Amino acid sequence: MARKRTVTSILRTHVGVVPHRAKSPKYAEIHSRLQGAEVGVSVCPYCAVGCSQLVYHRDGKLLSIEGNYESFINGGTLCPKGSATYGLVVNPRRVTTVKYRAPGSDHWEEKPLDWAMERIAQLVKTTRDATYVHQTPDGRTVNRTTCIAHLGGATLDNEENYLIKKLFGAGLGMVYIENQARI
């Protein structure tokens, strides 16, 4: 006759013992969807706080965006808007083209974003070359153009504003550079 085991005797022999195979085979196959993904560090696109984000991607596809726990600014946390950055990027209704109305036209055309960026670059270069002043009539060196201006948005942080000032002021010779946050 088998001896009846009491709860006390079972606990005495099994408490603190870790079974050799504590996971089921099915559980052992489960892994994070981010396993093996590349991660890049980015900045939240919304306000000027500059919260750091981790952007997980694999094979050119975005997998997840979350707060960067190593950031001294946000310590891995994101506000509701920052938490929704993934939805901003992968939204199927996101506008990826621009509306363009040619001079003298009576209708708008859809153009790809790459076309618009190239067009803006060409117009800036043409305007700068046509209006650049190296010296004033009295011989003073100014290296400027007063026919192009820049107004930055409130979401730009100090580093971005510094680079904008250097690129547009020193690089392109623009005089009128302003930031929305200061206005």
N, C-alpha and C. Protein backbone atom coordinates (compact mmCIF):
# COMPACT_ATOMS: atom_id res chain seq x y z
N MET A 1 0.84 -1.17 0.00
CA MET A 1 0.00 0.00 0.00
C MET A 1 0.90 1.25 0.00
N ALA A 2 0.54 2.17 -0.89
CA ALA A 2 1.33 3.39 -1.02
C ALA A 2 1.08 4.31 0.17
N ARG A 3 2.13 4.91 0.59
CA ARG A 3 2.02 5.83 1.71
C ARG A 3 1.37 7.13 1.25
N LYS A 4 0.44 7.64 2.02
CA LYS A 4 -0.26 8.88 1.68
C LYS A 4 0.66 10.05 2.02
N ARG A 5 0.82 10.94 1.05
CA ARG A 5 1.71 12.09 1.24
C ARG A 5 0.90 13.28 1.74
N THR A 6 1.44 13.95 2.69
CA THR A 6 0.77 15.13 3.22
C THR A 6 1.34 16.36 2.54
N VAL A 7 0.62 17.45 2.65
CA VAL A 7 1.08 18.72 2.08
C VAL A 7 2.42 19.10 2.68
N THR A 8 2.59 18.88 3.94
CA THR A 8 3.84 19.22 4.61
C THR A 8 5.00 18.42 4.04
N SER A 9 4.79 17.15 3.79
CA SER A 9 5.89 16.34 3.25
C SER A 9 6.22 16.73 1.82
N ILE A 10 5.20 17.09 1.05
CA ILE A 10 5.45 17.54 -0.34
C ILE A 10 6.22 18.85 -0.34
N LEU A 11 5.81 19.81 0.49
CA LEU A 11 6.50 21.09 0.56
C LEU A 11 7.93 20.92 1.03
N ARG A 12 8.14 20.02 2.00
CA ARG A 12 9.47 19.81 2.54
C ARG A 12 10.43 19.31 1.46
N THR A 13 9.94 18.56 0.49
CA THR A 13 10.82 18.00 -0.54
C THR A 13 10.85 18.82 -1.83
N HIS A 14 9.93 19.75 -2.00
CA HIS A 14 9.87 20.46 -3.27
C HIS A 14 10.05 21.98 -3.20
N VAL A 15 9.95 22.61 -2.07
CA VAL A 15 10.10 24.06 -1.98
C VAL A 15 11.53 24.43 -2.33
N GLY A 16 11.66 25.37 -3.25
CA GLY A 16 12.98 25.83 -3.67
C GLY A 16 13.57 25.01 -4.79
N VAL A 17 12.92 23.95 -5.22
CA VAL A 17 13.43 23.11 -6.29
C VAL A 17 12.89 23.66 -7.62
N VAL A 18 13.77 23.86 -8.58
CA VAL A 18 13.38 24.33 -9.90
C VAL A 18 13.40 23.14 -10.84
N PRO A 19 12.28 22.83 -11.44
CA PRO A 19 12.26 21.67 -12.35
C PRO A 19 13.21 21.89 -13.53
N HIS A 20 13.70 20.79 -14.09
CA HIS A 20 14.64 20.84 -15.20
C HIS A 20 14.02 21.53 -16.41
N ARG A 21 12.79 21.24 -16.73
CA ARG A 21 12.11 21.82 -17.88
C ARG A 21 10.83 22.50 -17.40
N ALA A 22 11.00 23.73 -16.89
CA ALA A 22 9.85 24.45 -16.33
C ALA A 22 8.92 25.00 -17.41
N LYS A 23 9.41 25.13 -18.65
CA LYS A 23 8.61 25.69 -19.73
C LYS A 23 8.09 24.56 -20.62
N SER A 24 6.89 24.77 -21.11
CA SER A 24 6.36 23.82 -22.09
C SER A 24 7.04 24.07 -23.42
N PRO A 25 7.07 23.10 -24.31
CA PRO A 25 7.70 23.32 -25.62
C PRO A 25 7.06 24.50 -26.38
N LYS A 26 5.73 24.65 -26.26
CA LYS A 26 5.06 25.75 -26.94
C LYS A 26 5.50 27.09 -26.36
N TYR A 27 5.61 27.17 -25.04
CA TYR A 27 6.04 28.40 -24.39
C TYR A 27 7.48 28.73 -24.76
N ALA A 28 8.32 27.74 -24.89
CA ALA A 28 9.74 27.95 -25.21
C ALA A 28 9.92 28.56 -26.61
N GLU A 29 8.95 28.34 -27.51
CA GLU A 29 9.04 28.88 -28.87
C GLU A 29 8.61 30.34 -28.95
N ILE A 30 7.92 30.85 -27.96
CA ILE A 30 7.42 32.22 -27.98
C ILE A 30 8.58 33.19 -27.74
N HIS A 31 8.63 34.26 -28.53
CA HIS A 31 9.66 35.29 -28.35
C HIS A 31 9.08 36.65 -28.70
N SER A 32 9.79 37.68 -28.35
CA SER A 32 9.36 39.05 -28.62
C SER A 32 9.35 39.31 -30.12
N ARG A 33 8.36 40.09 -30.57
CA ARG A 33 8.32 40.46 -32.00
C ARG A 33 9.47 41.37 -32.38
N LEU A 34 10.14 41.95 -31.37
CA LEU A 34 11.28 42.83 -31.62
C LEU A 34 12.61 42.09 -31.62
N GLN A 35 12.58 40.79 -31.34
CA GLN A 35 13.82 40.01 -31.30
C GLN A 35 14.50 40.04 -32.67
N GLY A 36 15.76 40.40 -32.68
CA GLY A 36 16.53 40.47 -33.92
C GLY A 36 16.33 41.74 -34.72
N ALA A 37 15.53 42.66 -34.22
CA ALA A 37 15.28 43.92 -34.94
C ALA A 37 16.44 44.89 -34.70
N GLU A 38 16.66 45.76 -35.67
CA GLU A 38 17.63 46.83 -35.49
C GLU A 38 16.94 47.96 -34.74
N VAL A 39 17.71 48.69 -33.95
CA VAL A 39 17.12 49.80 -33.20
C VAL A 39 17.90 51.07 -33.47
N GLY A 40 17.17 52.14 -33.71
CA GLY A 40 17.78 53.44 -33.92
C GLY A 40 17.25 54.41 -32.87
N VAL A 41 18.05 55.40 -32.55
CA VAL A 41 17.64 56.40 -31.57
C VAL A 41 17.15 57.62 -32.35
N SER A 42 16.00 58.14 -31.95
CA SER A 42 15.41 59.28 -32.63
C SER A 42 14.86 60.26 -31.59
N VAL A 43 14.29 61.35 -32.08
CA VAL A 43 13.70 62.37 -31.21
C VAL A 43 12.22 62.49 -31.58
N CYS A 44 11.39 62.59 -30.59
CA CYS A 44 9.95 62.73 -30.79
C CYS A 44 9.67 63.96 -31.67
N PRO A 45 8.78 63.83 -32.66
CA PRO A 45 8.55 64.94 -33.59
C PRO A 45 7.58 66.01 -33.11
N TYR A 46 7.04 65.90 -31.92
CA TYR A 46 5.97 66.81 -31.54
C TYR A 46 6.45 68.10 -30.89
N CYS A 47 6.72 68.13 -29.63
CA CYS A 47 7.05 69.41 -28.98
C CYS A 47 8.56 69.62 -28.93
N ALA A 48 8.99 70.69 -28.33
CA ALA A 48 10.42 71.02 -28.30
C ALA A 48 11.14 70.46 -27.09
N VAL A 49 10.50 69.57 -26.32
CA VAL A 49 11.18 68.97 -25.17
C VAL A 49 12.35 68.12 -25.63
N GLY A 50 12.19 67.39 -26.71
CA GLY A 50 13.27 66.58 -27.25
C GLY A 50 13.34 65.20 -26.65
N CYS A 51 12.21 64.59 -26.35
CA CYS A 51 12.19 63.24 -25.77
C CYS A 51 12.82 62.25 -26.74
N SER A 52 13.65 61.37 -26.20
CA SER A 52 14.35 60.39 -27.01
C SER A 52 13.45 59.17 -27.22
N GLN A 53 13.51 58.62 -28.43
CA GLN A 53 12.72 57.45 -28.76
C GLN A 53 13.61 56.36 -29.35
N LEU A 54 13.23 55.11 -29.13
CA LEU A 54 13.88 53.98 -29.76
C LEU A 54 12.98 53.52 -30.90
N VAL A 55 13.55 53.45 -32.09
CA VAL A 55 12.80 53.07 -33.28
C VAL A 55 13.28 51.69 -33.72
N TYR A 56 12.41 50.69 -33.60
CA TYR A 56 12.75 49.32 -33.97
C TYR A 56 12.29 49.05 -35.39
N HIS A 57 13.19 48.48 -36.21
CA HIS A 57 12.86 48.19 -37.60
C HIS A 57 13.59 46.94 -38.06
N ARG A 58 12.99 46.27 -39.03
CA ARG A 58 13.59 45.07 -39.62
C ARG A 58 13.21 45.02 -41.08
N ASP A 59 14.18 44.80 -41.95
CA ASP A 59 13.95 44.67 -43.39
C ASP A 59 13.19 45.86 -43.96
N GLY A 60 13.54 47.06 -43.51
CA GLY A 60 12.91 48.28 -44.03
C GLY A 60 11.51 48.51 -43.53
N LYS A 61 11.05 47.72 -42.57
CA LYS A 61 9.69 47.87 -42.03
C LYS A 61 9.76 48.31 -40.58
N LEU A 62 8.98 49.34 -40.24
CA LEU A 62 8.92 49.84 -38.87
C LEU A 62 8.14 48.86 -38.01
N LEU A 63 8.71 48.49 -36.86
CA LEU A 63 8.05 47.55 -35.96
C LEU A 63 7.44 48.23 -34.74
N SER A 64 8.19 49.17 -34.15
CA SER A 64 7.73 49.79 -32.91
C SER A 64 8.52 51.06 -32.64
N ILE A 65 7.90 51.97 -31.91
CA ILE A 65 8.57 53.17 -31.41
C ILE A 65 8.20 53.30 -29.94
N GLU A 66 9.22 53.42 -29.10
CA GLU A 66 8.98 53.54 -27.66
C GLU A 66 9.96 54.53 -27.06
N GLY A 67 9.71 54.90 -25.82
CA GLY A 67 10.60 55.82 -25.12
C GLY A 67 11.96 55.21 -24.86
N ASN A 68 12.99 56.02 -24.93
CA ASN A 68 14.35 55.57 -24.69
C ASN A 68 14.65 55.67 -23.19
N TYR A 69 14.79 54.53 -22.54
CA TYR A 69 15.01 54.50 -21.09
C TYR A 69 16.38 55.04 -20.69
N GLU A 70 17.30 55.22 -21.63
CA GLU A 70 18.62 55.76 -21.32
C GLU A 70 18.65 57.29 -21.42
N SER A 71 17.55 57.89 -21.83
CA SER A 71 17.50 59.35 -21.99
C SER A 71 17.35 60.03 -20.64
N PHE A 72 18.15 61.05 -20.41
CA PHE A 72 18.01 61.82 -19.17
C PHE A 72 16.85 62.80 -19.26
N ILE A 73 16.32 63.02 -20.46
CA ILE A 73 15.20 63.94 -20.63
C ILE A 73 13.89 63.27 -20.25
N ASN A 74 13.62 62.09 -20.81
CA ASN A 74 12.33 61.45 -20.57
C ASN A 74 12.43 60.09 -19.87
N GLY A 75 13.61 59.55 -19.69
CA GLY A 75 13.78 58.32 -18.93
C GLY A 75 12.91 57.17 -19.39
N GLY A 76 12.63 57.08 -20.68
CA GLY A 76 11.83 55.99 -21.21
C GLY A 76 10.35 56.26 -21.29
N THR A 77 9.91 57.37 -20.76
CA THR A 77 8.48 57.69 -20.81
C THR A 77 8.18 58.59 -22.00
N LEU A 78 6.95 58.54 -22.46
CA LEU A 78 6.50 59.42 -23.53
C LEU A 78 5.10 59.92 -23.18
N CYS A 79 4.80 61.14 -23.58
CA CYS A 79 3.45 61.68 -23.38
C CYS A 79 2.50 60.96 -24.35
N PRO A 80 1.20 61.18 -24.25
CA PRO A 80 0.27 60.52 -25.17
C PRO A 80 0.56 60.77 -26.66
N LYS A 81 0.95 61.99 -27.00
CA LYS A 81 1.27 62.26 -28.41
C LYS A 81 2.53 61.51 -28.83
N GLY A 82 3.57 61.54 -27.98
CA GLY A 82 4.80 60.82 -28.30
C GLY A 82 4.58 59.32 -28.40
N SER A 83 3.68 58.80 -27.56
CA SER A 83 3.37 57.37 -27.61
C SER A 83 2.67 56.99 -28.90
N ALA A 84 2.05 57.95 -29.56
CA ALA A 84 1.32 57.68 -30.79
C ALA A 84 2.17 57.90 -32.04
N THR A 85 3.49 58.08 -31.88
CA THR A 85 4.36 58.33 -33.03
C THR A 85 4.31 57.19 -34.03
N TYR A 86 4.23 55.96 -33.55
CA TYR A 86 4.15 54.80 -34.44
C TYR A 86 2.95 54.95 -35.38
N GLY A 87 1.81 55.33 -34.80
CA GLY A 87 0.61 55.52 -35.61
C GLY A 87 0.75 56.63 -36.62
N LEU A 88 1.51 57.66 -36.27
CA LEU A 88 1.76 58.76 -37.21
C LEU A 88 2.49 58.25 -38.44
N VAL A 89 3.46 57.38 -38.22
CA VAL A 89 4.32 56.92 -39.31
C VAL A 89 3.62 55.88 -40.19
N VAL A 90 2.89 54.94 -39.59
CA VAL A 90 2.33 53.83 -40.37
C VAL A 90 0.86 54.04 -40.76
N ASN A 91 0.29 55.19 -40.46
CA ASN A 91 -1.10 55.44 -40.77
C ASN A 91 -1.34 55.34 -42.28
N PRO A 92 -2.25 54.47 -42.72
CA PRO A 92 -2.48 54.33 -44.16
C PRO A 92 -3.08 55.59 -44.80
N ARG A 93 -3.64 56.48 -43.99
CA ARG A 93 -4.21 57.72 -44.52
C ARG A 93 -3.22 58.88 -44.46
N ARG A 94 -1.97 58.60 -44.09
CA ARG A 94 -0.97 59.66 -44.03
C ARG A 94 -0.71 60.24 -45.42
N VAL A 95 -0.67 61.54 -45.52
CA VAL A 95 -0.45 62.20 -46.79
C VAL A 95 1.03 62.07 -47.16
N THR A 96 1.30 61.51 -48.33
CA THR A 96 2.69 61.32 -48.77
C THR A 96 2.96 62.06 -50.07
N THR A 97 2.01 62.89 -50.49
CA THR A 97 2.20 63.70 -51.69
C THR A 97 1.92 65.15 -51.33
N VAL A 98 2.22 66.04 -52.26
CA VAL A 98 1.94 67.46 -52.05
C VAL A 98 0.99 67.93 -53.14
N LYS A 99 0.28 68.99 -52.83
CA LYS A 99 -0.57 69.63 -53.82
C LYS A 99 0.22 70.77 -54.45
N TYR A 100 0.22 70.84 -55.77
CA TYR A 100 0.98 71.85 -56.49
C TYR A 100 0.07 72.49 -57.53
N ARG A 101 0.09 73.82 -57.54
CA ARG A 101 -0.62 74.55 -58.58
C ARG A 101 0.40 75.35 -59.35
N ALA A 102 0.58 75.01 -60.57
CA ALA A 102 1.57 75.68 -61.42
C ALA A 102 1.15 77.13 -61.65
N PRO A 103 2.12 78.01 -61.89
CA PRO A 103 1.79 79.41 -62.16
C PRO A 103 0.83 79.51 -63.34
N GLY A 104 -0.28 80.26 -63.14
CA GLY A 104 -1.27 80.44 -64.19
C GLY A 104 -2.27 79.31 -64.31
N SER A 105 -2.11 78.25 -63.55
CA SER A 105 -3.02 77.11 -63.63
C SER A 105 -4.28 77.38 -62.81
N ASP A 106 -5.37 76.68 -63.18
CA ASP A 106 -6.62 76.84 -62.43
C ASP A 106 -6.95 75.60 -61.60
N HIS A 107 -6.00 74.65 -61.52
CA HIS A 107 -6.26 73.43 -60.74
C HIS A 107 -4.99 72.96 -60.02
N TRP A 108 -5.21 72.15 -59.00
CA TRP A 108 -4.12 71.59 -58.21
C TRP A 108 -3.75 70.21 -58.76
N GLU A 109 -2.46 69.90 -58.70
CA GLU A 109 -1.97 68.59 -59.12
C GLU A 109 -1.32 67.90 -57.91
N GLU A 110 -1.39 66.59 -57.89
CA GLU A 110 -0.67 65.84 -56.85
C GLU A 110 0.73 65.54 -57.37
N LYS A 111 1.72 65.82 -56.53
CA LYS A 111 3.11 65.56 -56.90
C LYS A 111 3.76 64.76 -55.77
N PRO A 112 4.76 63.94 -56.09
CA PRO A 112 5.46 63.20 -55.04
C PRO A 112 6.28 64.13 -54.15
N LEU A 113 6.48 63.73 -52.92
CA LEU A 113 7.24 64.54 -51.97
C LEU A 113 8.67 64.78 -52.45
N ASP A 114 9.30 63.79 -53.05
CA ASP A 114 10.66 63.97 -53.56
C ASP A 114 10.72 65.07 -54.61
N TRP A 115 9.70 65.13 -55.47
CA TRP A 115 9.65 66.19 -56.48
C TRP A 115 9.58 67.55 -55.80
N ALA A 116 8.75 67.67 -54.75
CA ALA A 116 8.59 68.95 -54.06
C ALA A 116 9.89 69.38 -53.39
N MET A 117 10.58 68.45 -52.76
CA MET A 117 11.85 68.79 -52.10
C MET A 117 12.88 69.27 -53.11
N GLU A 118 12.95 68.61 -54.25
CA GLU A 118 13.89 69.02 -55.30
C GLU A 118 13.49 70.38 -55.86
N ARG A 119 12.21 70.61 -56.04
CA ARG A 119 11.72 71.89 -56.55
C ARG A 119 12.06 73.03 -55.61
N ILE A 120 11.85 72.83 -54.31
CA ILE A 120 12.19 73.85 -53.32
C ILE A 120 13.68 74.14 -53.35
N ALA A 121 14.50 73.09 -53.41
CA ALA A 121 15.95 73.29 -53.45
C ALA A 121 16.36 74.10 -54.68
N GLN A 122 15.76 73.79 -55.83
CA GLN A 122 16.08 74.53 -57.05
C GLN A 122 15.68 76.00 -56.93
N LEU A 123 14.49 76.26 -56.38
CA LEU A 123 14.03 77.64 -56.25
C LEU A 123 14.88 78.43 -55.26
N VAL A 124 15.29 77.81 -54.16
CA VAL A 124 16.16 78.49 -53.19
C VAL A 124 17.50 78.82 -53.85
N LYS A 125 18.06 77.87 -54.58
CA LYS A 125 19.35 78.09 -55.23
C LYS A 125 19.24 79.20 -56.28
N THR A 126 18.19 79.16 -57.08
CA THR A 126 18.00 80.18 -58.12
C THR A 126 17.83 81.57 -57.49
N THR A 127 17.00 81.66 -56.45
CA THR A 127 16.77 82.95 -55.79
C THR A 127 18.04 83.47 -55.14
N ARG A 128 18.76 82.57 -54.45
CA ARG A 128 20.01 82.99 -53.79
C ARG A 128 21.02 83.49 -54.82
N ASP A 129 21.20 82.74 -55.90
CA ASP A 129 22.18 83.15 -56.92
C ASP A 129 21.80 84.49 -57.56
N ALA A 130 20.50 84.72 -57.73
CA ALA A 130 20.06 85.96 -58.39
C ALA A 130 20.11 87.17 -57.47
N THR A 131 20.05 86.95 -56.15
CA THR A 131 19.94 88.10 -55.23
C THR A 131 21.08 88.20 -54.24
N TYR A 132 22.11 87.39 -54.39
CA TYR A 132 23.21 87.39 -53.42
C TYR A 132 24.05 88.66 -53.57
N VAL A 133 24.33 89.28 -52.44
CA VAL A 133 25.13 90.50 -52.44
C VAL A 133 26.44 90.21 -51.71
N HIS A 134 27.54 90.32 -52.43
CA HIS A 134 28.84 90.07 -51.81
C HIS A 134 29.32 91.32 -51.06
N GLN A 135 29.18 92.48 -51.71
CA GLN A 135 29.61 93.74 -51.10
C GLN A 135 28.56 94.82 -51.33
N THR A 136 28.49 95.74 -50.38
CA THR A 136 27.60 96.89 -50.55
C THR A 136 28.28 97.89 -51.51
N PRO A 137 27.54 98.86 -52.02
CA PRO A 137 28.15 99.84 -52.95
C PRO A 137 29.35 100.58 -52.36
N ASP A 138 29.40 100.71 -51.03
CA ASP A 138 30.54 101.41 -50.44
C ASP A 138 31.72 100.47 -50.17
N GLY A 139 31.64 99.19 -50.62
CA GLY A 139 32.77 98.27 -50.51
C GLY A 139 32.78 97.39 -49.27
N ARG A 140 31.79 97.50 -48.43
CA ARG A 140 31.74 96.67 -47.21
C ARG A 140 31.27 95.26 -47.56
N THR A 141 32.00 94.23 -47.11
CA THR A 141 31.63 92.84 -47.38
C THR A 141 30.44 92.44 -46.51
N VAL A 142 29.36 91.93 -47.14
CA VAL A 142 28.17 91.52 -46.39
C VAL A 142 27.77 90.06 -46.63
N ASN A 143 28.03 89.52 -47.82
CA ASN A 143 27.71 88.12 -48.14
C ASN A 143 26.31 87.73 -47.66
N ARG A 144 25.29 88.30 -48.29
CA ARG A 144 23.93 88.05 -47.82
C ARG A 144 22.94 88.07 -48.97
N THR A 145 21.77 87.53 -48.67
CA THR A 145 20.60 87.68 -49.53
C THR A 145 19.43 88.05 -48.65
N THR A 146 18.68 89.04 -49.05
CA THR A 146 17.52 89.48 -48.26
C THR A 146 16.21 89.06 -48.91
N CYS A 147 16.28 88.20 -49.90
CA CYS A 147 15.07 87.79 -50.62
C CYS A 147 14.54 86.42 -50.18
N ILE A 148 15.19 85.80 -49.21
CA ILE A 148 14.72 84.53 -48.68
C ILE A 148 14.67 84.67 -47.17
N ALA A 149 13.62 84.12 -46.56
CA ALA A 149 13.49 84.15 -45.10
C ALA A 149 13.19 82.74 -44.60
N HIS A 150 13.38 82.54 -43.30
CA HIS A 150 13.07 81.25 -42.69
C HIS A 150 12.33 81.47 -41.38
N LEU A 151 11.22 80.77 -41.21
CA LEU A 151 10.49 80.80 -39.95
C LEU A 151 10.43 79.37 -39.44
N GLY A 152 11.11 79.10 -38.33
CA GLY A 152 11.14 77.76 -37.74
C GLY A 152 9.92 77.51 -36.88
N GLY A 153 9.60 76.25 -36.70
CA GLY A 153 8.45 75.86 -35.90
C GLY A 153 8.79 75.72 -34.43
N ALA A 154 7.75 75.63 -33.59
CA ALA A 154 7.94 75.53 -32.15
C ALA A 154 8.50 74.18 -31.73
N THR A 155 8.46 73.19 -32.60
CA THR A 155 8.96 71.87 -32.22
C THR A 155 10.47 71.74 -32.37
N LEU A 156 11.12 72.75 -32.89
CA LEU A 156 12.57 72.67 -33.07
C LEU A 156 13.28 72.89 -31.74
N ASP A 157 14.29 72.07 -31.47
CA ASP A 157 15.04 72.25 -30.23
C ASP A 157 16.26 73.14 -30.49
N ASN A 158 17.03 73.39 -29.44
CA ASN A 158 18.18 74.30 -29.55
C ASN A 158 19.19 73.85 -30.58
N GLU A 159 19.46 72.53 -30.62
CA GLU A 159 20.44 72.03 -31.57
C GLU A 159 19.99 72.23 -33.01
N GLU A 160 18.71 71.97 -33.27
CA GLU A 160 18.19 72.17 -34.62
C GLU A 160 18.22 73.65 -35.01
N ASN A 161 17.86 74.52 -34.09
CA ASN A 161 17.91 75.95 -34.37
C ASN A 161 19.33 76.42 -34.63
N TYR A 162 20.29 75.87 -33.90
CA TYR A 162 21.70 76.21 -34.10
C TYR A 162 22.11 75.83 -35.53
N LEU A 163 21.76 74.60 -35.95
CA LEU A 163 22.13 74.15 -37.29
C LEU A 163 21.43 74.97 -38.37
N ILE A 164 20.17 75.30 -38.14
CA ILE A 164 19.43 76.14 -39.10
C ILE A 164 20.11 77.49 -39.24
N LYS A 165 20.47 78.08 -38.12
CA LYS A 165 21.14 79.40 -38.15
C LYS A 165 22.45 79.31 -38.91
N LYS A 166 23.22 78.24 -38.66
CA LYS A 166 24.50 78.08 -39.36
C LYS A 166 24.29 77.84 -40.86
N LEU A 167 23.38 76.94 -41.21
CA LEU A 167 23.15 76.61 -42.62
C LEU A 167 22.57 77.79 -43.38
N PHE A 168 21.50 78.36 -42.86
CA PHE A 168 20.81 79.41 -43.59
C PHE A 168 21.54 80.75 -43.49
N GLY A 169 22.12 81.05 -42.33
CA GLY A 169 22.81 82.32 -42.16
C GLY A 169 24.19 82.32 -42.79
N ALA A 170 25.04 81.43 -42.31
CA ALA A 170 26.42 81.40 -42.81
C ALA A 170 26.52 80.71 -44.17
N GLY A 171 25.75 79.65 -44.36
CA GLY A 171 25.85 78.89 -45.61
C GLY A 171 25.17 79.54 -46.79
N LEU A 172 23.92 79.97 -46.60
CA LEU A 172 23.16 80.55 -47.70
C LEU A 172 23.17 82.07 -47.68
N GLY A 173 23.57 82.67 -46.58
CA GLY A 173 23.62 84.13 -46.49
C GLY A 173 22.28 84.76 -46.18
N MET A 174 21.34 83.99 -45.65
CA MET A 174 20.03 84.55 -45.32
C MET A 174 20.14 85.45 -44.09
N VAL A 175 19.41 86.54 -44.10
CA VAL A 175 19.42 87.50 -43.01
C VAL A 175 18.22 87.29 -42.10
N TYR A 176 17.07 87.03 -42.69
CA TYR A 176 15.81 86.94 -41.94
C TYR A 176 15.56 85.50 -41.50
N ILE A 177 16.03 85.17 -40.31
CA ILE A 177 15.84 83.83 -39.74
C ILE A 177 15.15 84.01 -38.39
N GLU A 178 13.99 83.43 -38.24
CA GLU A 178 13.21 83.60 -37.01
C GLU A 178 12.64 82.24 -36.60
N ASN A 179 12.25 82.17 -35.33
CA ASN A 179 11.68 80.94 -34.80
C ASN A 179 10.32 81.25 -34.18
N GLN A 180 9.36 80.42 -34.46
CA GLN A 180 7.99 80.60 -33.99
C GLN A 180 7.94 80.66 -32.46
N ALA A 181 8.77 79.89 -31.78
CA ALA A 181 8.74 79.85 -30.32
C ALA A 181 9.13 81.19 -29.69
N ARG A 182 9.86 82.02 -30.42
CA ARG A 182 10.31 83.30 -29.91
C ARG A 182 9.32 84.42 -30.20
N ILE A 183 8.45 84.19 -31.16
CA ILE A 183 7.52 85.26 -31.59
C ILE A 183 6.39 85.41 -30.59
